[in-house]
C-alpha atoms as a PDB file:
ATOM      1  CA  MET A   1      25.336-226.636  61.126  1.00  0.00           C
ATOM      2  CA  GLY A   2      25.983-230.539  60.726  1.00  0.00           C
ATOM      3  CA  ALA A   3      23.879-232.632  62.933  1.00  0.00           C
ATOM      4  CA  VAL A   4      25.342-234.388  65.867  1.00  0.00           C
ATOM      5  CA  ARG A   5      24.089-238.142  65.819  1.00  0.00           C
ATOM      6  CA  ALA A   6      23.858-239.928  69.249  1.00  0.00           C
ATOM      7  CA  PRO A   7      25.363-243.471  69.218  1.00  0.00           C
ATOM      8  CA  VAL A   8      23.099-246.045  68.299  1.00  0.00           C
ATOM      9  CA  SER A   9      22.844-249.602  69.926  1.00  0.00           C
ATOM     10  CA  SER A  10      22.885-252.821  67.814  1.00  0.00           C
ATOM     11  CA  SER A  11      19.341-253.632  69.300  1.00  0.00           C
ATOM     12  CA  SER A  12      17.944-250.610  67.629  1.00  0.00           C
ATOM     13  CA  ARG A  13      19.195-251.480  64.236  1.00  0.00           C
ATOM     14  CA  ARG A  14      16.549-253.682  63.141  1.00  0.00           C
ATOM     15  CA  LYS A  15      14.530-252.559  60.084  1.00  0.00           C
ATOM     16  CA  LYS A  16      10.975-251.173  61.100  1.00  0.00           C
ATOM     17  CA  PRO A  17       8.298-250.310  58.330  1.00  0.00           C
ATOM     18  CA  MET A  18       8.229-246.617  57.416  1.00  0.00           C
ATOM     19  CA  ARG A  19       5.412-244.328  58.137  1.00  0.00           C
ATOM     20  CA  ARG A  20       4.896-240.953  56.550  1.00  0.00           C
ATOM     21  CA  LEU A  21       4.909-238.452  59.001  1.00  0.00           C
ATOM     22  CA  GLN A  22       2.688-235.167  58.734  1.00  0.00           C
ATOM     23  CA  PRO A  23       4.397-232.034  59.658  1.00  0.00           C
ATOM     24  CA  THR A  24       3.059-230.629  63.112  1.00  0.00           C
ATOM     25  CA  ALA A  25       2.471-226.864  63.623  1.00  0.00           C
ATOM     26  CA  ALA A  26       5.417-227.139  66.222  1.00  0.00           C
ATOM     27  CA  ALA A  27       7.679-228.447  63.361  1.00  0.00           C
ATOM     28  CA  THR A  28       6.812-226.205  61.062  1.00  0.00           C
ATOM     29  CA  GLY A  29       7.367-223.156  63.598  1.00  0.00           C
ATOM     30  CA  LEU A  30      10.554-224.557  64.202  1.00  0.00           C
ATOM     31  CA  ALA A  31      11.777-224.659  60.559  1.00  0.00           C
ATOM     32  CA  VAL A  32      10.666-221.066  59.926  1.00  0.00           C
ATOM     33  CA  ALA A  33      12.315-220.158  62.828  1.00  0.00           C
ATOM     34  CA  LEU A  34      15.816-221.686  61.951  1.00  0.00           C
ATOM     35  CA  LEU A  35      15.507-220.212  58.319  1.00  0.00           C
ATOM     36  CA  VAL A  36      14.875-216.721  59.903  1.00  0.00           C
ATOM     37  CA  GLY A  37      17.543-217.293  62.316  1.00  0.00           C
ATOM     38  CA  GLY A  38      20.375-217.314  59.736  1.00  0.00           C
ATOM     39  CA  CYS A  39      20.812-221.511  58.827  1.00  0.00           C
ATOM     40  CA  ALA A  40      20.658-221.362  55.396  1.00  0.00           C
ATOM     41  CA  ALA A  41      18.444-224.299  53.824  1.00  0.00           C
ATOM     42  CA  HIS A  42      20.192-226.562  51.004  1.00  0.00           C
ATOM     43  CA  GLY A  43      18.933-226.419  47.942  1.00  0.00           C
ATOM     44  CA  ARG A  44      17.221-229.987  46.317  1.00  0.00           C
ATOM     45  CA  GLY A  45      19.919-232.277  45.506  1.00  0.00           C
ATOM     46  CA  ALA A  46      22.913-230.234  46.452  1.00  0.00           C
ATOM     47  CA  PRO A  47      25.334-232.275  48.772  1.00  0.00           C
ATOM     48  CA  PRO A  48      25.167-230.977  52.367  1.00  0.00           C
ATOM     49  CA  HIS A  49      28.187-229.501  53.890  1.00  0.00           C
ATOM     50  CA  ASP A  50      29.901-231.423  56.623  1.00  0.00           C
ATOM     51  CA  ASP A  51      30.291-227.952  58.779  1.00  0.00           C
ATOM     52  CA  PRO A  52      29.004-225.164  56.719  1.00  0.00           C
ATOM     53  CA  ALA A  53      29.993-222.065  58.617  1.00  0.00           C
ATOM     54  CA  VAL A  54      27.606-219.438  60.294  1.00  0.00           C
ATOM     55  CA  THR A  55      27.967-215.680  58.830  1.00  0.00           C
ATOM     56  CA  ALA A  56      26.662-212.727  60.495  1.00  0.00           C
ATOM     57  CA  ALA A  57      25.311-210.312  58.711  1.00  0.00           C
ATOM     58  CA  ALA A  58      27.531-207.071  58.338  1.00  0.00           C
ATOM     59  CA  PRO A  59      26.013-204.393  60.063  1.00  0.00           C
ATOM     60  CA  ALA A  60      25.161-201.555  57.975  1.00  0.00           C
ATOM     61  CA  PRO A  61      28.008-198.733  57.684  1.00  0.00           C
ATOM     62  CA  LEU A  62      27.351-195.751  59.795  1.00  0.00           C
ATOM     63  CA  ALA A  63      26.519-192.447  57.908  1.00  0.00           C
ATOM     64  CA  PRO A  64      29.197-189.962  58.107  1.00  0.00           C
ATOM     65  CA  PRO A  65      28.597-187.291  61.070  1.00  0.00           C
ATOM     66  CA  ALA A  66      26.929-184.301  59.507  1.00  0.00           C
ATOM     67  CA  PRO A  67      29.357-181.306  58.893  1.00  0.00           C
ATOM     68  CA  GLU A  68      29.335-178.597  61.671  1.00  0.00           C
ATOM     69  CA  PRO A  69      27.820-175.302  60.365  1.00  0.00           C
ATOM     70  CA  PRO A  70      30.285-172.712  59.700  1.00  0.00           C
ATOM     71  CA  ALA A  71      31.182-170.447  62.168  1.00  0.00           C
ATOM     72  CA  ALA A  72      29.058-166.887  61.991  1.00  0.00           C
ATOM     73  CA  PRO A  73      31.462-163.752  62.404  1.00  0.00           C
ATOM     74  CA  PRO A  74      30.683-162.133  66.028  1.00  0.00           C
ATOM     75  CA  ALA A  75      28.217-159.234  66.108  1.00  0.00           C
ATOM     76  CA  SER A  76      31.244-156.661  66.787  1.00  0.00           C
ATOM     77  CA  PHE A  77      32.300-157.572  63.216  1.00  0.00           C
ATOM     78  CA  ALA A  78      29.630-155.470  61.834  1.00  0.00           C
ATOM     79  CA  GLY A  79      30.686-152.372  60.720  1.00  0.00           C
ATOM     80  CA  LEU A  80      34.627-153.192  61.824  1.00  0.00           C
ATOM     81  CA  ASP A  81      35.847-151.973  58.455  1.00  0.00           C
ATOM     82  CA  ALA A  82      34.480-148.245  58.884  1.00  0.00           C
ATOM     83  CA  ARG A  83      35.871-148.377  62.326  1.00  0.00           C
ATOM     84  CA  ILE A  84      39.203-149.785  61.461  1.00  0.00           C
ATOM     85  CA  LYS A  85      39.446-146.582  59.020  1.00  0.00           C
ATOM     86  CA  GLU A  86      38.665-144.633  61.885  1.00  0.00           C
ATOM     87  CA  ALA A  87      41.290-145.665  64.339  1.00  0.00           C
ATOM     88  CA  THR A  88      43.748-145.229  61.175  1.00  0.00           C
ATOM     89  CA  THR A  89      42.754-141.633  60.596  1.00  0.00           C
ATOM     90  CA  GLU A  90      42.313-140.739  64.129  1.00  0.00           C
ATOM     91  CA  ALA A  91      46.014-141.774  64.947  1.00  0.00           C
ATOM     92  CA  ALA A  92      47.581-139.995  61.703  1.00  0.00           C
ATOM     93  CA  ALA A  93      46.075-137.071  63.052  1.00  0.00           C
ATOM     94  CA  SER A  94      48.181-136.883  66.070  1.00  0.00           C
ATOM     95  CA  GLY A  95      51.405-138.157  63.723  1.00  0.00           C
ATOM     96  CA  ALA A  96      50.915-142.007  64.542  1.00  0.00           C
ATOM     97  CA  GLU A  97      51.666-144.659  61.856  1.00  0.00           C
ATOM     98  CA  ILE A  98      49.771-147.684  62.979  1.00  0.00           C
ATOM     99  CA  ALA A  99      49.354-151.000  61.162  1.00  0.00           C
ATOM    100  CA  VAL A 100      46.801-153.920  62.501  1.00  0.00           C
ATOM    101  CA  ALA A 101      45.982-157.444  61.545  1.00  0.00           C
ATOM    102  CA  LEU A 102      43.352-159.255  63.414  1.00  0.00           C
ATOM    103  CA  LEU A 103      42.368-163.129  62.456  1.00  0.00           C
ATOM    104  CA  ASP A 104      38.964-164.672  63.264  1.00  0.00           C
ATOM    105  CA  ARG A 105      40.466-168.362  63.694  1.00  0.00           C
ATOM    106  CA  SER A 106      37.046-169.715  63.277  1.00  0.00           C
ATOM    107  CA  THR A 107      35.988-168.128  60.096  1.00  0.00           C
ATOM    108  CA  GLY A 108      39.456-167.392  58.816  1.00  0.00           C
ATOM    109  CA  GLN A 109      38.593-163.682  58.326  1.00  0.00           C
ATOM    110  CA  LEU A 110      41.721-161.707  58.178  1.00  0.00           C
ATOM    111  CA  LEU A 111      41.136-157.947  58.964  1.00  0.00           C
ATOM    112  CA  THR A 112      43.882-155.444  58.162  1.00  0.00           C
ATOM    113  CA  ASN A 113      44.051-151.503  57.904  1.00  0.00           C
ATOM    114  CA  GLY A 114      45.960-152.137  54.697  1.00  0.00           C
ATOM    115  CA  ASN A 115      49.495-151.190  56.141  1.00  0.00           C
ATOM    116  CA  GLY A 116      52.005-154.125  55.432  1.00  0.00           C
ATOM    117  CA  ARG A 117      54.952-152.443  56.282  1.00  0.00           C
ATOM    118  CA  ALA A 118      57.376-154.479  58.450  1.00  0.00           C
ATOM    119  CA  TYR A 119      57.691-152.796  61.727  1.00  0.00           C
ATOM    120  CA  PRO A 120      60.748-153.481  64.130  1.00  0.00           C
ATOM    121  CA  THR A 121      59.349-156.156  66.830  1.00  0.00           C
ATOM    122  CA  ALA A 122      61.361-155.088  69.928  1.00  0.00           C
ATOM    123  CA  SER A 123      60.498-157.282  72.592  1.00  0.00           C
ATOM    124  CA  VAL A 124      57.996-159.430  70.592  1.00  0.00           C
ATOM    125  CA  VAL A 125      60.945-161.114  68.841  1.00  0.00           C
ATOM    126  CA  LYS A 126      61.464-163.127  72.364  1.00  0.00           C
ATOM    127  CA  LEU A 127      58.238-165.290  71.468  1.00  0.00           C
ATOM    128  CA  PHE A 128      60.725-166.447  68.533  1.00  0.00           C
ATOM    129  CA  ILE A 129      63.842-166.912  70.720  1.00  0.00           C
ATOM    130  CA  ALA A 130      61.544-168.985  73.054  1.00  0.00           C
ATOM    131  CA  ASP A 131      59.991-171.045  70.361  1.00  0.00           C
ATOM    132  CA  ASP A 132      63.363-171.931  68.817  1.00  0.00           C
ATOM    133  CA  LEU A 133      64.823-172.952  72.149  1.00  0.00           C
ATOM    134  CA  LEU A 134      61.896-175.027  72.981  1.00  0.00           C
ATOM    135  CA  TYR A 135      61.722-176.758  69.716  1.00  0.00           C
ATOM    136  CA  ARG A 136      65.217-177.749  69.624  1.00  0.00           C
ATOM    137  CA  GLU A 137      65.084-179.027  73.372  1.00  0.00           C
ATOM    138  CA  SER A 138      62.258-181.201  71.986  1.00  0.00           C
ATOM    139  CA  ARG A 139      64.601-182.726  69.474  1.00  0.00           C
ATOM    140  CA  GLY A 140      67.071-183.669  71.960  1.00  0.00           C
ATOM    141  CA  GLU A 141      69.629-180.745  70.362  1.00  0.00           C
ATOM    142  CA  ILE A 142      69.832-179.026  73.751  1.00  0.00           C
ATOM    143  CA  GLU A 143      69.040-179.421  77.202  1.00  0.00           C
ATOM    144  CA  LEU A 144      67.401-176.447  79.297  1.00  0.00           C
ATOM    145  CA  SER A 145      68.369-176.521  82.883  1.00  0.00           C
ATOM    146  CA  ALA A 146      65.855-175.212  85.476  1.00  0.00           C
ATOM    147  CA  ALA A 147      67.731-172.201  85.853  1.00  0.00           C
ATOM    148  CA  ASP A 148      67.151-171.872  81.890  1.00  0.00           C
ATOM    149  CA  ARG A 149      63.351-172.453  82.120  1.00  0.00           C
ATOM    150  CA  LYS A 150      63.230-169.976  84.908  1.00  0.00           C
ATOM    151  CA  ALA A 151      64.948-167.110  82.596  1.00  0.00           C
ATOM    152  CA  LEU A 152      62.438-168.064  79.722  1.00  0.00           C
ATOM    153  CA  ASP A 153      59.528-167.724  81.844  1.00  0.00           C
ATOM    154  CA  ALA A 154      61.264-164.122  82.806  1.00  0.00           C
ATOM    155  CA  MET A 155      61.543-163.497  79.331  1.00  0.00           C
ATOM    156  CA  LEU A 156      58.221-163.956  78.273  1.00  0.00           C
ATOM    157  CA  ARG A 157      56.200-162.731  81.335  1.00  0.00           C
ATOM    158  CA  SER A 158      58.161-159.574  82.322  1.00  0.00           C
ATOM    159  CA  SER A 159      59.920-159.222  79.141  1.00  0.00           C
ATOM    160  CA  ASP A 160      63.594-159.499  80.605  1.00  0.00           C
ATOM    161  CA  ASP A 161      66.050-158.223  77.959  1.00  0.00           C
ATOM    162  CA  GLY A 162      69.149-159.778  79.855  1.00  0.00           C
ATOM    163  CA  ALA A 163      67.605-163.417  79.554  1.00  0.00           C
ATOM    164  CA  ALA A 164      66.915-162.817  75.769  1.00  0.00           C
ATOM    165  CA  GLN A 165      70.500-161.567  75.254  1.00  0.00           C
ATOM    166  CA  MET A 166      71.755-164.736  76.760  1.00  0.00           C
ATOM    167  CA  PHE A 167      69.572-166.953  74.809  1.00  0.00           C
ATOM    168  CA  TRP A 168      70.112-164.932  71.550  1.00  0.00           C
ATOM    169  CA  ASP A 169      73.905-165.239  71.949  1.00  0.00           C
ATOM    170  CA  ARG A 170      73.917-168.955  72.848  1.00  0.00           C
ATOM    171  CA  SER A 171      71.666-169.979  69.972  1.00  0.00           C
ATOM    172  CA  GLY A 172      73.360-168.214  66.935  1.00  0.00           C
ATOM    173  CA  GLY A 173      72.010-164.775  66.935  1.00  0.00           C
ATOM    174  CA  ASN A 174      70.159-164.205  63.416  1.00  0.00           C
ATOM    175  CA  ALA A 175      70.510-168.061  62.787  1.00  0.00           C
ATOM    176  CA  VAL A 176      67.307-167.970  65.381  1.00  0.00           C
ATOM    177  CA  ILE A 177      65.246-165.846  62.914  1.00  0.00           C
ATOM    178  CA  ALA A 178      66.220-168.021  60.057  1.00  0.00           C
ATOM    179  CA  ARG A 179      65.078-171.084  61.463  1.00  0.00           C
ATOM    180  CA  ILE A 180      61.599-169.487  62.734  1.00  0.00           C
ATOM    181  CA  LYS A 181      60.884-167.954  59.476  1.00  0.00           C
ATOM    182  CA  ALA A 182      61.516-171.594  57.711  1.00  0.00           C
ATOM    183  CA  ARG A 183      59.313-173.578  60.086  1.00  0.00           C
ATOM    184  CA  TYR A 184      56.586-170.974  60.056  1.00  0.00           C
ATOM    185  CA  GLY A 185      56.710-169.521  56.545  1.00  0.00           C
ATOM    186  CA  LEU A 186      57.225-166.048  57.483  1.00  0.00           C
ATOM    187  CA  GLY A 187      58.453-164.288  54.366  1.00  0.00           C
ATOM    188  CA  GLY A 188      57.844-160.864  55.822  1.00  0.00           C
ATOM    189  CA  VAL A 189      60.265-161.094  58.455  1.00  0.00           C
ATOM    190  CA  VAL A 190      63.565-159.539  58.326  1.00  0.00           C
ATOM    191  CA  ALA A 191      66.934-160.566  60.578  1.00  0.00           C
ATOM    192  CA  PRO A 192      68.101-157.237  62.552  1.00  0.00           C
ATOM    193  CA  TYR A 193      71.042-155.874  60.273  1.00  0.00           C
ATOM    194  CA  ASN A 194      72.930-155.313  63.069  1.00  0.00           C
ATOM    195  CA  SER A 195      72.248-158.552  64.804  1.00  0.00           C
ATOM    196  CA  HIS A 196      70.703-157.001  67.771  1.00  0.00           C
ATOM    197  CA  TRP A 197      67.628-158.915  68.545  1.00  0.00           C
ATOM    198  CA  ASP A 198      65.404-156.135  68.855  1.00  0.00           C
ATOM    199  CA  VAL A 199      65.438-154.821  65.897  1.00  0.00           C
ATOM    200  CA  THR A 200      64.214-157.956  63.868  1.00  0.00           C
ATOM    201  CA  GLN A 201      61.341-156.745  61.663  1.00  0.00           C
ATOM    202  CA  ALA A 202      57.925-158.068  60.910  1.00  0.00           C
ATOM    203  CA  PRO A 203      54.526-157.000  59.378  1.00  0.00           C
ATOM    204  CA  MET A 204      51.583-157.424  61.758  1.00  0.00           C
ATOM    205  CA  THR A 205      50.100-160.530  58.930  1.00  0.00           C
ATOM    206  CA  ASP A 206      53.482-162.267  59.841  1.00  0.00           C
ATOM    207  CA  LEU A 207      52.775-162.080  63.446  1.00  0.00           C
ATOM    208  CA  VAL A 208      49.044-162.857  63.268  1.00  0.00           C
ATOM    209  CA  ARG A 209      50.715-166.102  61.099  1.00  0.00           C
ATOM    210  CA  TYR A 210      52.919-167.013  64.075  1.00  0.00           C
ATOM    211  CA  TYR A 211      50.503-166.952  66.788  1.00  0.00           C
ATOM    212  CA  ASP A 212      47.871-169.073  64.400  1.00  0.00           C
ATOM    213  CA  MET A 213      50.260-171.620  63.769  1.00  0.00           C
ATOM    214  CA  LEU A 214      51.789-172.093  67.469  1.00  0.00           C
ATOM    215  CA  LEU A 215      48.111-172.533  68.376  1.00  0.00           C
ATOM    216  CA  SER A 216      47.525-175.271  65.861  1.00  0.00           C
ATOM    217  CA  GLY A 217      50.741-176.771  65.878  1.00  0.00           C
ATOM    218  CA  ALA A 218      51.424-176.235  62.341  1.00  0.00           C
ATOM    219  CA  GLY A 219      54.714-174.508  62.675  1.00  0.00           C
ATOM    220  CA  GLY A 220      55.970-177.846  64.464  1.00  0.00           C
ATOM    221  CA  LEU A 221      56.518-176.938  67.875  1.00  0.00           C
ATOM    222  CA  PRO A 222      54.977-179.831  69.884  1.00  0.00           C
ATOM    223  CA  ARG A 223      51.741-178.945  72.198  1.00  0.00           C
ATOM    224  CA  ASP A 224      53.527-179.442  75.547  1.00  0.00           C
ATOM    225  CA  LYS A 225      55.992-177.019  74.448  1.00  0.00           C
ATOM    226  CA  ALA A 226      53.723-174.402  72.950  1.00  0.00           C
ATOM    227  CA  ASP A 227      51.810-174.514  76.474  1.00  0.00           C
ATOM    228  CA  ILE A 228      54.796-173.069  77.997  1.00  0.00           C
ATOM    229  CA  ILE A 229      54.644-169.852  75.668  1.00  0.00           C
ATOM    230  CA  LEU A 230      50.851-169.383  75.713  1.00  0.00           C
ATOM    231  CA  GLY A 231      50.959-169.957  79.697  1.00  0.00           C
ATOM    232  CA  ASP A 232      53.754-167.552  79.987  1.00  0.00           C
ATOM    233  CA  ILE A 233      52.159-164.552  77.779  1.00  0.00           C
ATOM    234  CA  ALA A 234      48.764-165.139  79.451  1.00  0.00           C
ATOM    235  CA  ALA A 235      50.917-164.815  82.954  1.00  0.00           C
ATOM    236  CA  PHE A 236      52.486-161.350  81.592  1.00  0.00           C
ATOM    237  CA  THR A 237      53.047-158.466  84.416  1.00  0.00           C
ATOM    238  CA  PRO A 238      51.681-155.384  84.435  1.00  0.00           C
ATOM    239  CA  THR A 239      55.067-153.629  83.993  1.00  0.00           C
ATOM    240  CA  GLY A 240      58.193-155.236  82.372  1.00  0.00           C
ATOM    241  CA  ALA A 241      61.325-156.067  84.067  1.00  0.00           C
ATOM    242  CA  ASP A 242      62.652-152.560  83.205  1.00  0.00           C
ATOM    243  CA  GLY A 243      59.388-151.020  84.987  1.00  0.00           C
ATOM    244  CA  TYR A 244      57.805-149.951  81.531  1.00  0.00           C
ATOM    245  CA  PRO A 245      53.968-150.368  81.660  1.00  0.00           C
ATOM    246  CA  GLN A 246      52.826-153.493  79.647  1.00  0.00           C
ATOM    247  CA  ARG A 247      49.230-153.012  79.151  1.00  0.00           C
ATOM    248  CA  PHE A 248      49.193-150.830  76.341  1.00  0.00           C
ATOM    249  CA  GLY A 249      47.453-151.791  73.077  1.00  0.00           C
ATOM    250  CA  ILE A 250      45.463-155.087  73.566  1.00  0.00           C
ATOM    251  CA  PRO A 251      45.058-155.640  77.195  1.00  0.00           C
ATOM    252  CA  ASP A 252      43.644-151.947  78.055  1.00  0.00           C
ATOM    253  CA  GLY A 253      42.014-151.828  74.768  1.00  0.00           C
ATOM    254  CA  LEU A 254      40.068-154.902  75.140  1.00  0.00           C
ATOM    255  CA  PRO A 255      39.384-154.716  79.206  1.00  0.00           C
ATOM    256  CA  GLY A 256      36.504-157.161  78.785  1.00  0.00           C
ATOM    257  CA  GLU A 257      38.371-159.916  76.834  1.00  0.00           C
ATOM    258  CA  GLN A 258      40.713-162.601  78.150  1.00  0.00           C
ATOM    259  CA  VAL A 259      44.028-162.372  76.694  1.00  0.00           C
ATOM    260  CA  ALA A 260      47.527-163.486  76.399  1.00  0.00           C
ATOM    261  CA  VAL A 261      50.217-160.875  75.161  1.00  0.00           C
ATOM    262  CA  LYS A 262      53.398-160.410  73.921  1.00  0.00           C
ATOM    263  CA  GLN A 263      54.376-156.568  74.267  1.00  0.00           C
ATOM    264  CA  GLY A 264      57.270-154.478  72.587  1.00  0.00           C
ATOM    265  CA  TRP A 265      58.514-151.019  72.849  1.00  0.00           C
ATOM    266  CA  PHE A 266      61.551-148.711  72.403  1.00  0.00           C
ATOM    267  CA  CYS A 267      62.605-145.650  71.680  1.00  0.00           C
ATOM    268  CA  CYS A 268      63.255-144.669  68.999  1.00  0.00           C
ATOM    269  CA  TRP A 269      63.035-145.707  65.165  1.00  0.00           C
ATOM    270  CA  ASN A 270      64.179-143.621  62.303  1.00  0.00           C
ATOM    271  CA  PRO A 271      63.180-140.396  62.499  1.00  0.00           C
ATOM    272  CA  GLY A 272      62.922-140.540  66.511  1.00  0.00           C
ATOM    273  CA  ARG A 273      59.472-142.144  66.695  1.00  0.00           C
ATOM    274  CA  GLN A 274      58.200-144.179  69.495  1.00  0.00           C
ATOM    275  CA  LEU A 275      57.862-147.835  68.745  1.00  0.00           C
ATOM    276  CA  HIS A 276      55.213-150.131  70.515  1.00  0.00           C
ATOM    277  CA  VAL A 277      53.975-153.359  69.305  1.00  0.00           C
ATOM    278  CA  SER A 278      51.094-155.258  70.965  1.00  0.00           C
ATOM    279  CA  THR A 279      50.625-158.703  69.971  1.00  0.00           C
ATOM    280  CA  GLY A 280      48.735-161.594  71.667  1.00  0.00           C
ATOM    281  CA  ILE A 281      45.571-164.348  71.736  1.00  0.00           C
ATOM    282  CA  ILE A 282      42.061-162.959  72.468  1.00  0.00           C
ATOM    283  CA  GLY A 283      39.439-164.947  74.031  1.00  0.00           C
ATOM    284  CA  ALA A 284      38.895-167.581  76.569  1.00  0.00           C
ATOM    285  CA  ASP A 285      38.632-169.961  73.301  1.00  0.00           C
ATOM    286  CA  ARG A 286      41.642-168.475  71.700  1.00  0.00           C
ATOM    287  CA  ARG A 287      39.417-167.423  68.514  1.00  0.00           C
ATOM    288  CA  TYR A 288      41.109-164.383  67.653  1.00  0.00           C
ATOM    289  CA  VAL A 289      44.596-163.074  67.471  1.00  0.00           C
ATOM    290  CA  MET A 290      45.863-160.002  66.959  1.00  0.00           C
ATOM    291  CA  ALA A 291      48.827-157.509  66.390  1.00  0.00           C
ATOM    292  CA  VAL A 292      49.285-153.876  66.137  1.00  0.00           C
ATOM    293  CA  GLY A 293      52.288-151.915  65.482  1.00  0.00           C
ATOM    294  CA  SER A 294      52.818-148.132  66.033  1.00  0.00           C
ATOM    295  CA  LEU A 295      55.415-145.509  65.213  1.00  0.00           C
ATOM    296  CA  ASP A 296      54.406-142.281  67.201  1.00  0.00           C
ATOM    297  CA  PRO A 297      56.361-138.659  67.076  1.00  0.00           C
ATOM    298  CA  THR A 298      55.109-138.099  70.530  1.00  0.00           C
ATOM    299  CA  THR A 299      56.050-139.021  74.347  1.00  0.00           C
ATOM    300  CA  ALA A 300      56.095-142.677  75.678  1.00  0.00           C
ATOM    301  CA  GLU A 301      52.698-141.799  77.448  1.00  0.00           C
ATOM    302  CA  ARG A 302      51.198-140.496  74.705  1.00  0.00           C
ATOM    303  CA  ALA A 303      51.934-143.086  72.086  1.00  0.00           C
ATOM    304  CA  ARG A 304      50.840-145.761  74.585  1.00  0.00           C
ATOM    305  CA  ALA A 305      47.398-143.759  74.718  1.00  0.00           C
ATOM    306  CA  ASP A 306      47.138-143.576  71.034  1.00  0.00           C
ATOM    307  CA  ILE A 307      47.829-147.506  70.141  1.00  0.00           C
ATOM    308  CA  THR A 308      45.297-148.363  73.093  1.00  0.00           C
ATOM    309  CA  ARG A 309      42.623-145.830  71.614  1.00  0.00           C
ATOM    310  CA  PHE A 310      43.136-147.506  68.102  1.00  0.00           C
ATOM    311  CA  VAL A 311      41.872-150.801  69.612  1.00  0.00           C
ATOM    312  CA  ARG A 312      39.371-149.203  71.600  1.00  0.00           C
ATOM    313  CA  THR A 313      37.928-147.485  68.452  1.00  0.00           C
ATOM    314  CA  MET A 314      38.128-150.979  66.703  1.00  0.00           C
ATOM    315  CA  PHE A 315      36.024-152.465  69.550  1.00  0.00           C
ATOM    316  CA  PRO A 316      34.122-149.362  71.494  1.00  0.00           C
ATOM    317  CA  ASP A 317      32.686-152.328  74.291  1.00  0.00           C
ATOM    318  CA  GLY A 318      35.914-153.482  74.892  1.00  0.00           C
ATOM    319  CA  ARG A 319      35.364-157.012  73.858  1.00  0.00           C
ATOM    320  CA  ILE A 320      35.434-158.657  70.620  1.00  0.00           C
ATOM    321  CA  GLY A 321      32.826-161.948  71.415  1.00  0.00           C
END
């Protein structure tokens, strides 16, 4: 830095004999301190700068954070493949055809029993109807009234068919399925051949993919809108609006877990089989998503017991984590 010179009076301008000064220890220490403190000394013969800049040393770059160790599969996954085969064989003995898909969202591990057929979704398609409504509302394409929001909640929590039909008709029927397929990449989903929402078909792997993308936001639904769906299916009622029990499959099969589910059922699907579909999110941390579809030639009560036993055979302790 340039030195600041004090004003010199005229009386002090007389020349005085020069004396050679010996550096004192204090002066030497000051010079060292200045050098260490960042003031660079000018090289011999180089003209001094009038106002040299003082630059602080750049901080050393921070090391990138250590990567988190990969998540380990839960202990309950040990031997799970064998238990899935056992559950499938057990169901077949009673005439039931059951498909399952289970995704561990932490490890990316997907388990199935190899049944990739598309099942009618019944009321599970109400997830798609709600998602489509909330997405279009987020884009300013439609406006949902307070009555609409109440009906949407009832459609998801209590599986209200009247609300589903109203929204299906208002949203263009099969066009709902086309829009959801495009946003979520659900290649196996088939729009209803007769335009009735309950016979939309989907393989269990596509339903698991839908839930995973709903949770991550990859399907495009904004977080605040997705939270409406997630909150409603977490608050599912023990029985549907039509009085049908809603705890078959995942809820009663995994009583030790916190679950959020959308269930589907009707009678009958070719040739006269009871249809039940149990889908949802498992665990307080939402680590697992699961979908189970069943076509069962027995009674509705027996069919509910069969799909629940299938889940319980997979996880005898009644929980995954």
